[in-house]
Structure formats: structure tokens, C-alpha cells
C-alpha atoms as a PDB file:
ATOM      1  CA  UNK A   1       0.046   0.099   0.141  1.00  0.00           C
ATOM      2  CA  UNK A   2       2.748   2.404   0.929  1.00  0.00           C
ATOM      3  CA  UNK A   3       4.197   1.750  -2.682  1.00  0.00           C
ATOM      4  CA  UNK A   4       0.841   2.490  -4.388  1.00  0.00           C
ATOM      5  CA  UNK A   5       0.761   5.841  -2.626  1.00  0.00           C
ATOM      6  CA  UNK A   6       4.360   6.840  -3.564  1.00  0.00           C
ATOM      7  CA  UNK A   7       3.676   5.831  -7.408  1.00  0.00           C
ATOM      8  CA  UNK A   8       0.269   8.042  -6.954  1.00  0.00           C
ATOM      9  CA  UNK A   9       1.942  10.891  -5.563  1.00  0.00           C
ATOM     10  CA  UNK A  10       4.856  10.616  -8.402  1.00  0.00           C
ATOM     11  CA  UNK A  11       1.996  10.483 -11.016  1.00  0.00           C
ATOM     12  CA  UNK A  12       0.414  13.365  -9.800  1.00  0.00           C
ATOM     13  CA  UNK A  13       3.471  15.327  -9.406  1.00  0.00           C
ATOM     14  CA  UNK A  14       4.511  14.384 -13.306  1.00  0.00           C
ATOM     15  CA  UNK A  15       1.084  15.264 -14.520  1.00  0.00           C
ATOM     16  CA  UNK A  16       1.062  18.667 -12.802  1.00  0.00           C
ATOM     17  CA  UNK A  17       4.463  19.258 -14.217  1.00  0.00           C
ATOM     18  CA  UNK A  18       3.419  18.161 -17.685  1.00  0.00           C
ATOM     19  CA  UNK A  19       0.257  20.641 -17.610  1.00  0.00           C
ATOM     20  CA  UNK A  20       2.660  23.333 -16.374  1.00  0.00           C
ATOM     21  CA  UNK A  21       5.043  22.762 -19.307  1.00  0.00           C
ATOM     22  CA  UNK A  22       2.020  22.748 -21.751  1.00  0.00           C
ATOM     23  CA  UNK A  23       0.709  25.972 -20.391  1.00  0.00           C
ATOM     24  CA  UNK A  24       4.150  27.779 -20.918  1.00  0.00           C
ATOM     25  CA  UNK A  25       4.087  26.235 -24.471  1.00  0.00           C
ATOM     26  CA  UNK A  26       0.752  27.661 -25.139  1.00  0.00           C
ATOM     27  CA  UNK A  27       1.559  30.967 -23.425  1.00  0.00           C
ATOM     28  CA  UNK A  28       4.469  31.367 -25.893  1.00  0.00           C
ATOM     29  CA  UNK A  29       2.433  31.103 -28.873  1.00  0.00           C
ATOM     30  CA  UNK A  30      -0.077  33.467 -27.531  1.00  0.00           C
ATOM     31  CA  UNK A  31      -1.000  35.905 -30.017  1.00  0.00           C
ATOM     32  CA  UNK A  32       1.107  33.972 -32.785  1.00  0.00           C
ATOM     33  CA  UNK A  33      -0.939  34.082 -36.049  1.00  0.00           C
ATOM     34  CA  UNK A  34      -0.096  31.385 -38.732  1.00  0.00           C
ATOM     35  CA  UNK A  35      -0.791  32.850 -42.350  1.00  0.00           C
ATOM     36  CA  UNK A  36      -1.120  30.439 -45.150  1.00  0.00           C
ATOM     37  CA  UNK A  37       0.177  32.954 -47.495  1.00  0.00           C
ATOM     38  CA  UNK A  38       2.908  35.284 -46.122  1.00  0.00           C
ATOM     39  CA  UNK A  39       1.612  39.074 -45.837  1.00  0.00           C
ATOM     40  CA  UNK A  40       3.556  41.567 -47.736  1.00  0.00           C
ATOM     41  CA  UNK A  41       5.198  43.558 -45.174  1.00  0.00           C
ATOM     42  CA  UNK A  42       5.272  46.692 -47.080  1.00  0.00           C
ATOM     43  CA  UNK A  43       1.451  46.799 -47.277  1.00  0.00           C
ATOM     44  CA  UNK A  44       1.041  45.777 -43.735  1.00  0.00           C
ATOM     45  CA  UNK A  45       3.231  49.120 -42.805  1.00  0.00           C
ATOM     46  CA  UNK A  46       1.053  51.238 -45.076  1.00  0.00           C
ATOM     47  CA  UNK A  47      -1.962  49.777 -43.380  1.00  0.00           C
ATOM     48  CA  UNK A  48      -0.638  50.471 -39.862  1.00  0.00           C
ATOM     49  CA  UNK A  49       0.199  53.953 -40.885  1.00  0.00           C
ATOM     50  CA  UNK A  50      -3.426  54.677 -42.387  1.00  0.00           C
ATOM     51  CA  UNK A  51      -4.863  53.382 -39.175  1.00  0.00           C
ATOM     52  CA  UNK A  52      -2.966  55.936 -37.137  1.00  0.00           C
ATOM     53  CA  UNK A  53      -4.094  59.553 -37.145  1.00  0.00           C
ATOM     54  CA  UNK A  54      -1.050  61.494 -38.215  1.00  0.00           C
ATOM     55  CA  UNK A  55      -2.459  63.732 -40.720  1.00  0.00           C
ATOM     56  CA  UNK A  56      -2.075  66.761 -38.426  1.00  0.00           C
ATOM     57  CA  UNK A  57       1.613  66.647 -38.845  1.00  0.00           C
ATOM     58  CA  UNK A  58       2.577  68.477 -41.976  1.00  0.00           C
ATOM     59  CA  UNK A  59       6.316  67.789 -42.213  1.00  0.00           C
ATOM     60  CA  UNK A  60       5.856  64.002 -42.335  1.00  0.00           C
ATOM     61  CA  UNK A  61       6.608  62.113 -45.491  1.00  0.00           C
ATOM     62  CA  UNK A  62       3.909  60.110 -47.281  1.00  0.00           C
ATOM     63  CA  UNK A  63       2.788  56.657 -46.117  1.00  0.00           C
ATOM     64  CA  UNK A  64       4.504  54.971 -49.210  1.00  0.00           C
ATOM     65  CA  UNK A  65       7.933  56.607 -48.427  1.00  0.00           C
ATOM     66  CA  UNK A  66       7.598  55.622 -44.677  1.00  0.00           C
ATOM     67  CA  UNK A  67       6.682  52.068 -45.342  1.00  0.00           C
ATOM     68  CA  UNK A  68       9.743  51.893 -47.938  1.00  0.00           C
ATOM     69  CA  UNK A  69      12.192  53.445 -45.342  1.00  0.00           C
ATOM     70  CA  UNK A  70      10.808  50.603 -42.715  1.00  0.00           C
ATOM     71  CA  UNK A  71      10.946  47.929 -45.226  1.00  0.00           C
ATOM     72  CA  UNK A  72      14.495  48.512 -46.142  1.00  0.00           C
ATOM     73  CA  UNK A  73      15.516  48.601 -42.481  1.00  0.00           C
ATOM     74  CA  UNK A  74      13.518  45.394 -41.889  1.00  0.00           C
ATOM     75  CA  UNK A  75      15.183  43.658 -44.800  1.00  0.00           C
ATOM     76  CA  UNK A  76      18.617  44.882 -43.639  1.00  0.00           C
ATOM     77  CA  UNK A  77      18.094  43.261 -40.167  1.00  0.00           C
ATOM     78  CA  UNK A  78      16.964  39.896 -41.683  1.00  0.00           C
ATOM     79  CA  UNK A  79      20.337  39.890 -43.731  1.00  0.00           C
ATOM     80  CA  UNK A  80      22.365  40.674 -40.622  1.00  0.00           C
ATOM     81  CA  UNK A  81      20.749  37.993 -38.564  1.00  0.00           C
ATOM     82  CA  UNK A  82      21.211  35.563 -41.203  1.00  0.00           C
ATOM     83  CA  UNK A  83      24.869  36.306 -41.489  1.00  0.00           C
ATOM     84  CA  UNK A  84      25.487  35.657 -37.691  1.00  0.00           C
END
């Protein structure tokens, strides 16, 4: 009977640890969207710029120019990461 209780406690501990690890894994994927077709980054940047209200600033460049600069820097970072 004593061995049974030890095995039962071990089983409960392992089950608890398993669910804890699964929860951490799911929390890590929280907010992650899987796209079947990759979204064009430049268009997503333009969409984000159009959704915010920056029309009141006259000295800003156009959304296309800002998107082009952002895309260039993101592409540059990808190349730096791949070279490491």
C-alpha cells in the first residue's frame, strides 16, 4: 500500500509538471498568427500608418515613403541576422 501511494504521488507530480509545461508552451504561442500565404510587409506597414492619425503633422513623409524606409531597415536586419 505504501508503494502505491508513492507511485500515485509521483504520477500526480509528473501530471502537474506536464500541464505546467504545456501551459508555458501555449503561452509562448499566445498572439501568434499562422498565415497560409505570407503577408507583404510593405502593405502591412502602409495599413498600420493609415490606421493611425498622423494627418495633423505636415512635415511627415507620405505613407509609401515611410513604408519603404521601414521595409528597407527590416530587410537589412534580416540579412544581418542570417549572416550571424
